[in-house]
Amino acid sequence: MDGSERRRLPPGLRRLFHDGGGGRTLSVDLPPGAVVWPDPTYVRLPTPRRPAFWLSQAPVTGALYARLRADHPRSGLWPVLLEDSVQPWSVGQIAPDAAAEIDNYNVAAFMDEVWADWVERAAEDQIEILDPFGPHCPGPAEPGEPRADPGALADRYAAMLSEQGMPVGLAAVDRGADALAVMGWQGALHHNEWNVPLAAVVRSWEDRFGARLVGLGFNTLDLSVAAPPVTEQHALHVAAEHWAFCPDAIIQGAGTLIDYAEQIRGRQSWSFWWD
C-alpha cells in the first residue's frame, strides 16, 4: 500500500472496537495475523463479547512498528511488541478490562496504599530499602523536562526491541497505556491482582515523563521515556514511584531506592519485571 493511500481496517480488526471501527484507516498492509479472544471464563468480559487484540503471526520490523504507531490517531490501534514465546495470549489466558475502568484510579492513592501495606508487613531493617523516604510515601514526582519527541523515541526503542524477533499486537485504545487493561495483560498479577491501577500509573507517566508503552512479555513491561529525571533528587522521587509500581525491580534488582535511582537517572527507557 502506498504511504499516501489509506484503507478501511480489515473486518477482523474492526471487531476490536465497540462501535465497529467505522471510519478508521491504516496506511500500511498488515502481515498475516489474527484476533486474540479472551478467556471465556473471565468474569469481567466486555459486553458485547469482542476479541481483546490482534496479533501478527511472525515477528515484525521496527519500521512496521513505527508506521503503525504513526497511524494510531487515524486507526485507533496502538502497537505493542510482544515476547515471542509461550505466553498467556498464545493460549487464551487473557483477562481484558474496559479502558473506562482506568478513570476510577488515582495514582497518588494507589502509591500510598502499596507503600503503607508493604511497610506494615516489613521488618524494621527492610524499611531501609526505602531510604530516604522510609515509611512515609512521597507521592508522585514532578514532571520531567522533554529531551526527545515521545513518538520518535518510541520508534527507536521499538527498533532495538524488534531485533529480538517479536510479533506485534494491536489494541483498540485511545492511548498506549490503556492497552495494559484492554489487552488483558496479567504480568504483574502477583503484585497486584488487577492491572487496571497499573494502567493508570502508566497513563500518568505518559503525561509527566513522555512515556510510551512499547513492549510486553509474560511478566515484563518496556516503556520509552522522553522526559526522564536527570537530577539526583528527581530520580530518587521517580524511583519511589517505580518501587510502588514494581517492587521486584528494586528489591531483587538494585537493592535500594538510592541505587536504583542512579540506574534510571537520565535513562530514556524503563523496563519492569515481576516475580
C-alpha atoms as a PDB file:
ATOM      1  CA  MET A   1       0.000   0.000   0.000  1.00  0.00           C
ATOM      2  CA  ASP A   2       1.359   3.444  -0.881  1.00  0.00           C
ATOM      3  CA  GLY A   3       2.148   5.584   2.149  1.00  0.00           C
ATOM      4  CA  SER A   4      -0.305   8.257   0.967  1.00  0.00           C
ATOM      5  CA  GLU A   5      -3.165   5.766   0.474  1.00  0.00           C
ATOM      6  CA  ARG A   6      -5.430   4.868   3.345  1.00  0.00           C
ATOM      7  CA  ARG A   7      -7.822   1.965   3.579  1.00  0.00           C
ATOM      8  CA  ARG A   8     -10.508   0.911   5.999  1.00  0.00           C
ATOM      9  CA  LEU A   9      -9.490  -1.546   8.671  1.00  0.00           C
ATOM     10  CA  PRO A  10      -9.924  -5.220   7.771  1.00  0.00           C
ATOM     11  CA  PRO A  11     -13.117  -6.753   9.221  1.00  0.00           C
ATOM     12  CA  GLY A  12     -11.246  -8.655  11.932  1.00  0.00           C
ATOM     13  CA  LEU A  13      -9.672  -5.501  13.311  1.00  0.00           C
ATOM     14  CA  ARG A  14     -12.945  -3.613  13.211  1.00  0.00           C
ATOM     15  CA  ARG A  15     -14.294  -6.153  15.681  1.00  0.00           C
ATOM     16  CA  LEU A  16     -11.921  -4.767  18.303  1.00  0.00           C
ATOM     17  CA  PHE A  17     -13.967  -1.559  18.520  1.00  0.00           C
ATOM     18  CA  HIS A  18     -17.270  -1.244  20.341  1.00  0.00           C
ATOM     19  CA  ASP A  19     -18.514   0.989  17.511  1.00  0.00           C
ATOM     20  CA  GLY A  20     -17.378  -1.353  14.753  1.00  0.00           C
ATOM     21  CA  GLY A  21     -14.344   0.735  13.811  1.00  0.00           C
ATOM     22  CA  GLY A  22     -16.215   2.844  11.283  1.00  0.00           C
ATOM     23  CA  GLY A  23     -14.068   5.491   9.578  1.00  0.00           C
ATOM     24  CA  ARG A  24     -10.789   4.125  10.955  1.00  0.00           C
ATOM     25  CA  THR A  25      -7.993   3.583   8.460  1.00  0.00           C
ATOM     26  CA  LEU A  26      -4.463   2.242   8.037  1.00  0.00           C
ATOM     27  CA  SER A  27      -1.756   3.321   5.611  1.00  0.00           C
ATOM     28  CA  VAL A  28       0.167   0.042   5.752  1.00  0.00           C
ATOM     29  CA  ASP A  29      -0.591  -3.542   4.794  1.00  0.00           C
ATOM     30  CA  LEU A  30      -0.609  -5.809   7.821  1.00  0.00           C
ATOM     31  CA  PRO A  31       1.304  -9.087   7.851  1.00  0.00           C
ATOM     32  CA  PRO A  32      -0.637 -12.330   8.439  1.00  0.00           C
ATOM     33  CA  GLY A  33      -2.261 -12.422  11.851  1.00  0.00           C
ATOM     34  CA  ALA A  34      -5.483 -12.980  13.761  1.00  0.00           C
ATOM     35  CA  VAL A  35      -7.524 -11.564  16.605  1.00  0.00           C
ATOM     36  CA  VAL A  36      -6.984 -12.980  20.093  1.00  0.00           C
ATOM     37  CA  TRP A  37     -10.037 -13.786  22.168  1.00  0.00           C
ATOM     38  CA  PRO A  38     -10.172 -13.508  25.960  1.00  0.00           C
ATOM     39  CA  ASP A  39     -10.513 -16.418  28.343  1.00  0.00           C
ATOM     40  CA  PRO A  40     -14.244 -17.273  28.168  1.00  0.00           C
ATOM     41  CA  THR A  41     -14.318 -17.984  31.906  1.00  0.00           C
ATOM     42  CA  TYR A  42     -13.194 -14.471  32.833  1.00  0.00           C
ATOM     43  CA  VAL A  43     -15.950 -12.822  34.879  1.00  0.00           C
ATOM     44  CA  ARG A  44     -15.473  -9.243  33.683  1.00  0.00           C
ATOM     45  CA  LEU A  45     -15.726  -9.797  29.934  1.00  0.00           C
ATOM     46  CA  PRO A  46     -16.925  -6.719  27.995  1.00  0.00           C
ATOM     47  CA  THR A  47     -20.446  -6.793  26.598  1.00  0.00           C
ATOM     48  CA  PRO A  48     -20.952  -7.499  23.782  1.00  0.00           C
ATOM     49  CA  ARG A  49     -18.097 -10.005  23.657  1.00  0.00           C
ATOM     50  CA  ARG A  50     -15.209  -8.842  21.464  1.00  0.00           C
ATOM     51  CA  PRO A  51     -11.665 -10.016  20.764  1.00  0.00           C
ATOM     52  CA  ALA A  52      -9.054  -8.411  23.005  1.00  0.00           C
ATOM     53  CA  PHE A  53      -6.447  -7.523  20.356  1.00  0.00           C
ATOM     54  CA  TRP A  54      -4.921  -8.507  17.027  1.00  0.00           C
ATOM     55  CA  LEU A  55      -1.606 -10.395  16.896  1.00  0.00           C
ATOM     56  CA  SER A  56       0.767 -10.907  13.974  1.00  0.00           C
ATOM     57  CA  GLN A  57       1.821 -14.472  13.238  1.00  0.00           C
ATOM     58  CA  ALA A  58       5.502 -13.640  12.891  1.00  0.00           C
ATOM     59  CA  PRO A  59       7.986 -11.093  14.249  1.00  0.00           C
ATOM     60  CA  VAL A  60       7.845  -7.613  12.739  1.00  0.00           C
ATOM     61  CA  THR A  61      10.394  -4.939  11.968  1.00  0.00           C
ATOM     62  CA  GLY A  62      10.912  -1.719  13.830  1.00  0.00           C
ATOM     63  CA  ALA A  63       9.944   0.092  10.625  1.00  0.00           C
ATOM     64  CA  LEU A  64       6.500  -1.525  10.637  1.00  0.00           C
ATOM     65  CA  TYR A  65       6.061  -0.667  14.308  1.00  0.00           C
ATOM     66  CA  ALA A  66       6.840   2.979  13.529  1.00  0.00           C
ATOM     67  CA  ARG A  67       4.293   3.070  10.688  1.00  0.00           C
ATOM     68  CA  LEU A  68       1.630   1.531  12.917  1.00  0.00           C
ATOM     69  CA  ARG A  69       2.372   3.935  15.760  1.00  0.00           C
ATOM     70  CA  ALA A  70       2.193   6.925  13.407  1.00  0.00           C
ATOM     71  CA  ASP A  71      -1.164   5.592  12.160  1.00  0.00           C
ATOM     72  CA  HIS A  72      -2.639   5.438  15.664  1.00  0.00           C
ATOM     73  CA  PRO A  73      -4.520   8.782  15.530  1.00  0.00           C
ATOM     74  CA  ARG A  74      -6.444   7.539  12.464  1.00  0.00           C
ATOM     75  CA  SER A  75      -6.547   3.797  13.099  1.00  0.00           C
ATOM     76  CA  GLY A  76      -7.208   3.830  16.840  1.00  0.00           C
ATOM     77  CA  LEU A  77      -4.811   0.886  17.128  1.00  0.00           C
ATOM     78  CA  TRP A  78      -1.779   1.093  19.412  1.00  0.00           C
ATOM     79  CA  PRO A  79       1.096  -1.292  18.539  1.00  0.00           C
ATOM     80  CA  VAL A  80       2.802  -3.306  21.285  1.00  0.00           C
ATOM     81  CA  LEU A  81       5.740  -5.633  20.667  1.00  0.00           C
ATOM     82  CA  LEU A  82       5.148  -8.964  22.407  1.00  0.00           C
ATOM     83  CA  GLU A  83       7.600 -11.626  23.510  1.00  0.00           C
ATOM     84  CA  ASP A  84       7.561 -14.478  21.006  1.00  0.00           C
ATOM     85  CA  SER A  85       7.412 -17.463  23.339  1.00  0.00           C
ATOM     86  CA  VAL A  86       4.782 -19.390  25.278  1.00  0.00           C
ATOM     87  CA  GLN A  87       2.691 -16.515  26.560  1.00  0.00           C
ATOM     88  CA  PRO A  88      -0.790 -16.168  28.085  1.00  0.00           C
ATOM     89  CA  TRP A  89      -2.038 -14.638  24.821  1.00  0.00           C
ATOM     90  CA  SER A  90      -0.927 -17.698  22.875  1.00  0.00           C
ATOM     91  CA  VAL A  91      -3.216 -19.983  24.883  1.00  0.00           C
ATOM     92  CA  GLY A  92      -6.114 -17.610  25.522  1.00  0.00           C
ATOM     93  CA  GLN A  93      -5.377 -16.903  29.193  1.00  0.00           C
ATOM     94  CA  ILE A  94      -6.050 -13.192  28.999  1.00  0.00           C
ATOM     95  CA  ALA A  95      -8.416 -11.079  31.053  1.00  0.00           C
ATOM     96  CA  PRO A  96      -9.323  -7.770  29.379  1.00  0.00           C
ATOM     97  CA  ASP A  97     -10.985  -4.808  31.068  1.00  0.00           C
ATOM     98  CA  ALA A  98     -12.591  -1.687  29.670  1.00  0.00           C
ATOM     99  CA  ALA A  99     -10.350   1.359  29.398  1.00  0.00           C
ATOM    100  CA  ALA A 100     -13.042   3.348  31.228  1.00  0.00           C
ATOM    101  CA  GLU A 101     -12.173   1.417  34.417  1.00  0.00           C
ATOM    102  CA  ILE A 102      -8.798   3.187  34.486  1.00  0.00           C
ATOM    103  CA  ASP A 103     -10.529   6.504  35.191  1.00  0.00           C
ATOM    104  CA  ASN A 104     -11.520   5.196  38.623  1.00  0.00           C
ATOM    105  CA  TYR A 105      -7.945   5.109  39.936  1.00  0.00           C
ATOM    106  CA  ASN A 106      -5.884   7.879  41.476  1.00  0.00           C
ATOM    107  CA  VAL A 107      -2.141   7.406  41.128  1.00  0.00           C
ATOM    108  CA  ALA A 108      -1.264   9.061  44.439  1.00  0.00           C
ATOM    109  CA  ALA A 109      -3.828   6.965  46.326  1.00  0.00           C
ATOM    110  CA  PHE A 110      -2.586   3.768  44.694  1.00  0.00           C
ATOM    111  CA  MET A 111       1.008   4.607  45.591  1.00  0.00           C
ATOM    112  CA  ASP A 112       0.052   5.395  49.207  1.00  0.00           C
ATOM    113  CA  GLU A 113      -1.822   2.105  49.532  1.00  0.00           C
ATOM    114  CA  VAL A 114       1.027  -0.022  48.176  1.00  0.00           C
ATOM    115  CA  TRP A 115       3.555   1.798  50.344  1.00  0.00           C
ATOM    116  CA  ALA A 116       1.554   1.545  53.582  1.00  0.00           C
ATOM    117  CA  ASP A 117       0.700  -2.117  53.018  1.00  0.00           C
ATOM    118  CA  TRP A 118       4.335  -3.097  52.479  1.00  0.00           C
ATOM    119  CA  VAL A 119       5.612  -1.047  55.418  1.00  0.00           C
ATOM    120  CA  GLU A 120       3.032  -2.649  57.701  1.00  0.00           C
ATOM    121  CA  ARG A 121       4.325  -6.135  56.854  1.00  0.00           C
ATOM    122  CA  ALA A 122       8.056  -5.343  56.564  1.00  0.00           C
ATOM    123  CA  ALA A 123      10.727  -5.939  59.174  1.00  0.00           C
ATOM    124  CA  GLU A 124      12.424  -2.835  60.537  1.00  0.00           C
ATOM    125  CA  ASP A 125      15.661  -3.447  58.636  1.00  0.00           C
ATOM    126  CA  GLN A 126      13.738  -3.957  55.374  1.00  0.00           C
ATOM    127  CA  ILE A 127      12.355  -0.427  55.511  1.00  0.00           C
ATOM    128  CA  GLU A 128      15.913   0.825  54.938  1.00  0.00           C
ATOM    129  CA  ILE A 129      15.384  -0.204  51.306  1.00  0.00           C
ATOM    130  CA  LEU A 130      13.110   2.829  51.025  1.00  0.00           C
ATOM    131  CA  ASP A 131      15.597   5.389  52.359  1.00  0.00           C
ATOM    132  CA  PRO A 132      15.460   8.380  52.409  1.00  0.00           C
ATOM    133  CA  PHE A 133      11.648   8.155  52.475  1.00  0.00           C
ATOM    134  CA  GLY A 134      11.339   5.238  54.850  1.00  0.00           C
ATOM    135  CA  PRO A 135       7.732   4.576  55.923  1.00  0.00           C
ATOM    136  CA  HIS A 136       6.487   7.896  54.520  1.00  0.00           C
ATOM    137  CA  CYS A 137       5.292   7.685  50.908  1.00  0.00           C
ATOM    138  CA  PRO A 138       6.472  10.778  48.970  1.00  0.00           C
ATOM    139  CA  GLY A 139       3.641  10.669  46.408  1.00  0.00           C
ATOM    140  CA  PRO A 140       4.084  11.164  42.653  1.00  0.00           C
ATOM    141  CA  ALA A 141       7.109  13.072  41.366  1.00  0.00           C
ATOM    142  CA  GLU A 142       7.105  16.290  39.386  1.00  0.00           C
ATOM    143  CA  PRO A 143       7.096  16.006  35.573  1.00  0.00           C
ATOM    144  CA  GLY A 144      10.357  15.671  33.677  1.00  0.00           C
ATOM    145  CA  GLU A 145      11.727  18.001  31.022  1.00  0.00           C
ATOM    146  CA  PRO A 146      11.331  16.639  27.471  1.00  0.00           C
ATOM    147  CA  ARG A 147      14.600  15.525  25.905  1.00  0.00           C
ATOM    148  CA  ALA A 148      13.150  13.863  22.799  1.00  0.00           C
ATOM    149  CA  ASP A 149       9.944  13.537  20.824  1.00  0.00           C
ATOM    150  CA  PRO A 150       7.930  10.776  22.559  1.00  0.00           C
ATOM    151  CA  GLY A 151       6.786   9.137  19.326  1.00  0.00           C
ATOM    152  CA  ALA A 152      10.183   9.189  17.656  1.00  0.00           C
ATOM    153  CA  LEU A 153      11.816   7.805  20.801  1.00  0.00           C
ATOM    154  CA  ALA A 154       9.240   5.001  20.990  1.00  0.00           C
ATOM    155  CA  ASP A 155      10.094   4.096  17.394  1.00  0.00           C
ATOM    156  CA  ARG A 156      13.823   3.958  18.166  1.00  0.00           C
ATOM    157  CA  TYR A 157      13.247   1.777  21.207  1.00  0.00           C
ATOM    158  CA  ALA A 158      10.934  -0.499  19.203  1.00  0.00           C
ATOM    159  CA  ALA A 159      13.611  -0.870  16.532  1.00  0.00           C
ATOM    160  CA  MET A 160      16.001  -2.105  19.214  1.00  0.00           C
ATOM    161  CA  LEU A 161      13.495  -4.492  20.814  1.00  0.00           C
ATOM    162  CA  SER A 162      12.390  -5.849  17.440  1.00  0.00           C
ATOM    163  CA  GLU A 163      15.860  -7.291  16.926  1.00  0.00           C
ATOM    164  CA  GLN A 164      14.837  -9.966  19.442  1.00  0.00           C
ATOM    165  CA  GLY A 165      12.203 -11.203  16.971  1.00  0.00           C
ATOM    166  CA  MET A 166       8.901 -10.011  18.403  1.00  0.00           C
ATOM    167  CA  PRO A 167       5.406 -10.104  16.875  1.00  0.00           C
ATOM    168  CA  VAL A 168       3.188  -7.053  17.233  1.00  0.00           C
ATOM    169  CA  GLY A 169      -0.143  -6.775  18.975  1.00  0.00           C
ATOM    170  CA  LEU A 170      -2.660  -4.073  18.042  1.00  0.00           C
ATOM    171  CA  ALA A 171      -5.007  -2.808  20.750  1.00  0.00           C
ATOM    172  CA  ALA A 172      -8.053  -0.615  20.169  1.00  0.00           C
ATOM    173  CA  VAL A 173      -7.248   2.186  22.614  1.00  0.00           C
ATOM    174  CA  ASP A 174      -7.127   5.978  22.685  1.00  0.00           C
ATOM    175  CA  ARG A 175      -3.693   5.937  24.333  1.00  0.00           C
ATOM    176  CA  GLY A 176      -0.987   3.332  24.686  1.00  0.00           C
ATOM    177  CA  ALA A 177      -1.207   2.920  28.468  1.00  0.00           C
ATOM    178  CA  ASP A 178      -4.776   1.653  28.141  1.00  0.00           C
ATOM    179  CA  ALA A 179      -3.520  -1.401  26.245  1.00  0.00           C
ATOM    180  CA  LEU A 180      -2.424  -2.902  29.575  1.00  0.00           C
ATOM    181  CA  ALA A 181      -6.082  -3.251  30.542  1.00  0.00           C
ATOM    182  CA  VAL A 182      -7.701  -3.759  27.135  1.00  0.00           C
ATOM    183  CA  MET A 183      -5.264  -6.499  26.061  1.00  0.00           C
ATOM    184  CA  GLY A 184      -5.830  -8.354  29.315  1.00  0.00           C
ATOM    185  CA  TRP A 185      -2.132  -8.493  30.223  1.00  0.00           C
ATOM    186  CA  GLN A 186      -1.583 -10.231  33.582  1.00  0.00           C
ATOM    187  CA  GLY A 187       2.171  -9.872  34.026  1.00  0.00           C
ATOM    188  CA  ALA A 188       2.024  -8.158  37.425  1.00  0.00           C
ATOM    189  CA  LEU A 189      -0.619 -10.478  38.875  1.00  0.00           C
ATOM    190  CA  HIS A 190       1.498 -11.449  41.883  1.00  0.00           C
ATOM    191  CA  HIS A 191       1.977  -7.790  42.812  1.00  0.00           C
ATOM    192  CA  ASN A 192      -1.484  -6.504  42.014  1.00  0.00           C
ATOM    193  CA  GLU A 193      -4.474  -8.730  41.372  1.00  0.00           C
ATOM    194  CA  TRP A 194      -5.882  -6.246  38.881  1.00  0.00           C
ATOM    195  CA  ASN A 195      -3.740  -4.465  36.310  1.00  0.00           C
ATOM    196  CA  VAL A 196      -6.109  -1.523  35.800  1.00  0.00           C
ATOM    197  CA  PRO A 197      -4.411   0.572  38.546  1.00  0.00           C
ATOM    198  CA  LEU A 198      -1.063  -0.061  36.851  1.00  0.00           C
ATOM    199  CA  ALA A 199      -2.500   1.245  33.590  1.00  0.00           C
ATOM    200  CA  ALA A 200      -3.488   4.404  35.485  1.00  0.00           C
ATOM    201  CA  VAL A 201       0.126   4.811  36.604  1.00  0.00           C
ATOM    202  CA  VAL A 202       1.422   4.397  33.043  1.00  0.00           C
ATOM    203  CA  ARG A 203      -1.135   6.966  31.853  1.00  0.00           C
ATOM    204  CA  SER A 204       0.322   9.385  34.382  1.00  0.00           C
ATOM    205  CA  TRP A 205       3.855   8.611  33.193  1.00  0.00           C
ATOM    206  CA  GLU A 206       2.747   9.325  29.631  1.00  0.00           C
ATOM    207  CA  ASP A 207       1.677  12.792  30.775  1.00  0.00           C
ATOM    208  CA  ARG A 208       4.570  13.573  33.119  1.00  0.00           C
ATOM    209  CA  PHE A 209       7.531  11.788  31.519  1.00  0.00           C
ATOM    210  CA  GLY A 210       6.607  11.315  27.864  1.00  0.00           C
ATOM    211  CA  ALA A 211       6.474   7.540  28.434  1.00  0.00           C
ATOM    212  CA  ARG A 212       5.138   5.263  25.706  1.00  0.00           C
ATOM    213  CA  LEU A 213       4.264   1.575  26.010  1.00  0.00           C
ATOM    214  CA  VAL A 214       6.463  -0.304  23.534  1.00  0.00           C
ATOM    215  CA  GLY A 215       6.760  -3.923  24.687  1.00  0.00           C
ATOM    216  CA  LEU A 216       5.170  -6.581  26.892  1.00  0.00           C
ATOM    217  CA  GLY A 217       6.205 -10.053  27.955  1.00  0.00           C
ATOM    218  CA  PHE A 218       4.831 -12.729  30.248  1.00  0.00           C
ATOM    219  CA  ASN A 219       5.828 -10.654  33.290  1.00  0.00           C
ATOM    220  CA  THR A 220       7.759  -7.758  31.749  1.00  0.00           C
ATOM    221  CA  LEU A 221       6.936  -4.269  30.518  1.00  0.00           C
ATOM    222  CA  ASP A 222       9.053  -1.891  28.420  1.00  0.00           C
ATOM    223  CA  LEU A 223       8.486   1.855  28.116  1.00  0.00           C
ATOM    224  CA  SER A 224      10.318   4.560  26.197  1.00  0.00           C
ATOM    225  CA  VAL A 225      10.741   7.731  28.269  1.00  0.00           C
ATOM    226  CA  ALA A 226      11.182  11.091  26.553  1.00  0.00           C
ATOM    227  CA  ALA A 227      11.379  13.202  29.737  1.00  0.00           C
ATOM    228  CA  PRO A 228      13.311  11.148  32.314  1.00  0.00           C
ATOM    229  CA  PRO A 229      14.541  12.566  35.626  1.00  0.00           C
ATOM    230  CA  VAL A 230      18.059  13.977  35.312  1.00  0.00           C
ATOM    231  CA  THR A 231      18.821  15.267  38.809  1.00  0.00           C
ATOM    232  CA  GLU A 232      19.671  13.064  41.770  1.00  0.00           C
ATOM    233  CA  GLN A 233      16.660  14.149  43.833  1.00  0.00           C
ATOM    234  CA  HIS A 234      14.184  13.885  40.984  1.00  0.00           C
ATOM    235  CA  ALA A 235      15.457  10.425  40.063  1.00  0.00           C
ATOM    236  CA  LEU A 236      15.084   9.341  43.689  1.00  0.00           C
ATOM    237  CA  HIS A 237      11.487  10.558  43.751  1.00  0.00           C
ATOM    238  CA  VAL A 238      10.718   8.743  40.487  1.00  0.00           C
ATOM    239  CA  ALA A 239      12.414   5.635  41.892  1.00  0.00           C
ATOM    240  CA  ALA A 240       9.874   5.679  44.707  1.00  0.00           C
ATOM    241  CA  GLU A 241       7.088   5.571  42.121  1.00  0.00           C
ATOM    242  CA  HIS A 242       8.781   2.672  40.366  1.00  0.00           C
ATOM    243  CA  TRP A 243       9.004   0.794  43.654  1.00  0.00           C
ATOM    244  CA  ALA A 244       5.246   1.135  44.250  1.00  0.00           C
ATOM    245  CA  PHE A 245       4.618   0.077  40.645  1.00  0.00           C
ATOM    246  CA  CYS A 246       7.047  -2.864  40.622  1.00  0.00           C
ATOM    247  CA  PRO A 247       8.784  -3.646  43.950  1.00  0.00           C
ATOM    248  CA  ASP A 248      10.659  -6.616  42.449  1.00  0.00           C
ATOM    249  CA  ALA A 249      12.665  -4.294  40.187  1.00  0.00           C
ATOM    250  CA  ILE A 250      14.243  -2.736  43.269  1.00  0.00           C
ATOM    251  CA  ILE A 251      14.130  -5.441  45.952  1.00  0.00           C
ATOM    252  CA  GLN A 252      15.508  -8.185  43.692  1.00  0.00           C
ATOM    253  CA  GLY A 253      17.456  -5.832  41.439  1.00  0.00           C
ATOM    254  CA  ALA A 254      19.301  -2.711  42.586  1.00  0.00           C
ATOM    255  CA  GLY A 255      18.541  -3.443  46.244  1.00  0.00           C
ATOM    256  CA  THR A 256      17.733   0.091  47.425  1.00  0.00           C
ATOM    257  CA  LEU A 257      15.907   3.126  46.093  1.00  0.00           C
ATOM    258  CA  ILE A 258      19.131   5.135  46.186  1.00  0.00           C
ATOM    259  CA  ASP A 259      20.983   2.645  43.970  1.00  0.00           C
ATOM    260  CA  TYR A 260      18.016   2.216  41.660  1.00  0.00           C
ATOM    261  CA  ALA A 261      17.663   5.988  41.237  1.00  0.00           C
ATOM    262  CA  GLU A 262      21.179   6.129  39.813  1.00  0.00           C
ATOM    263  CA  GLN A 263      20.236   3.461  37.270  1.00  0.00           C
ATOM    264  CA  ILE A 264      17.244   5.393  35.903  1.00  0.00           C
ATOM    265  CA  ARG A 265      18.723   8.897  36.071  1.00  0.00           C
ATOM    266  CA  GLY A 266      18.628  10.285  32.522  1.00  0.00           C
ATOM    267  CA  ARG A 267      17.662   6.879  31.106  1.00  0.00           C
ATOM    268  CA  GLN A 268      15.218   7.022  28.186  1.00  0.00           C
ATOM    269  CA  SER A 269      13.743   3.570  28.685  1.00  0.00           C
ATOM    270  CA  TRP A 270      12.196   1.912  31.728  1.00  0.00           C
ATOM    271  CA  SER A 271      11.906  -1.864  31.980  1.00  0.00           C
ATOM    272  CA  PHE A 272       9.998  -3.717  34.681  1.00  0.00           C
ATOM    273  CA  TRP A 273       9.666  -7.359  35.635  1.00  0.00           C
ATOM    274  CA  TRP A 274       7.565  -9.069  38.265  1.00  0.00           C
ATOM    275  CA  ASP A 275       8.446 -12.293  40.063  1.00  0.00           C
END
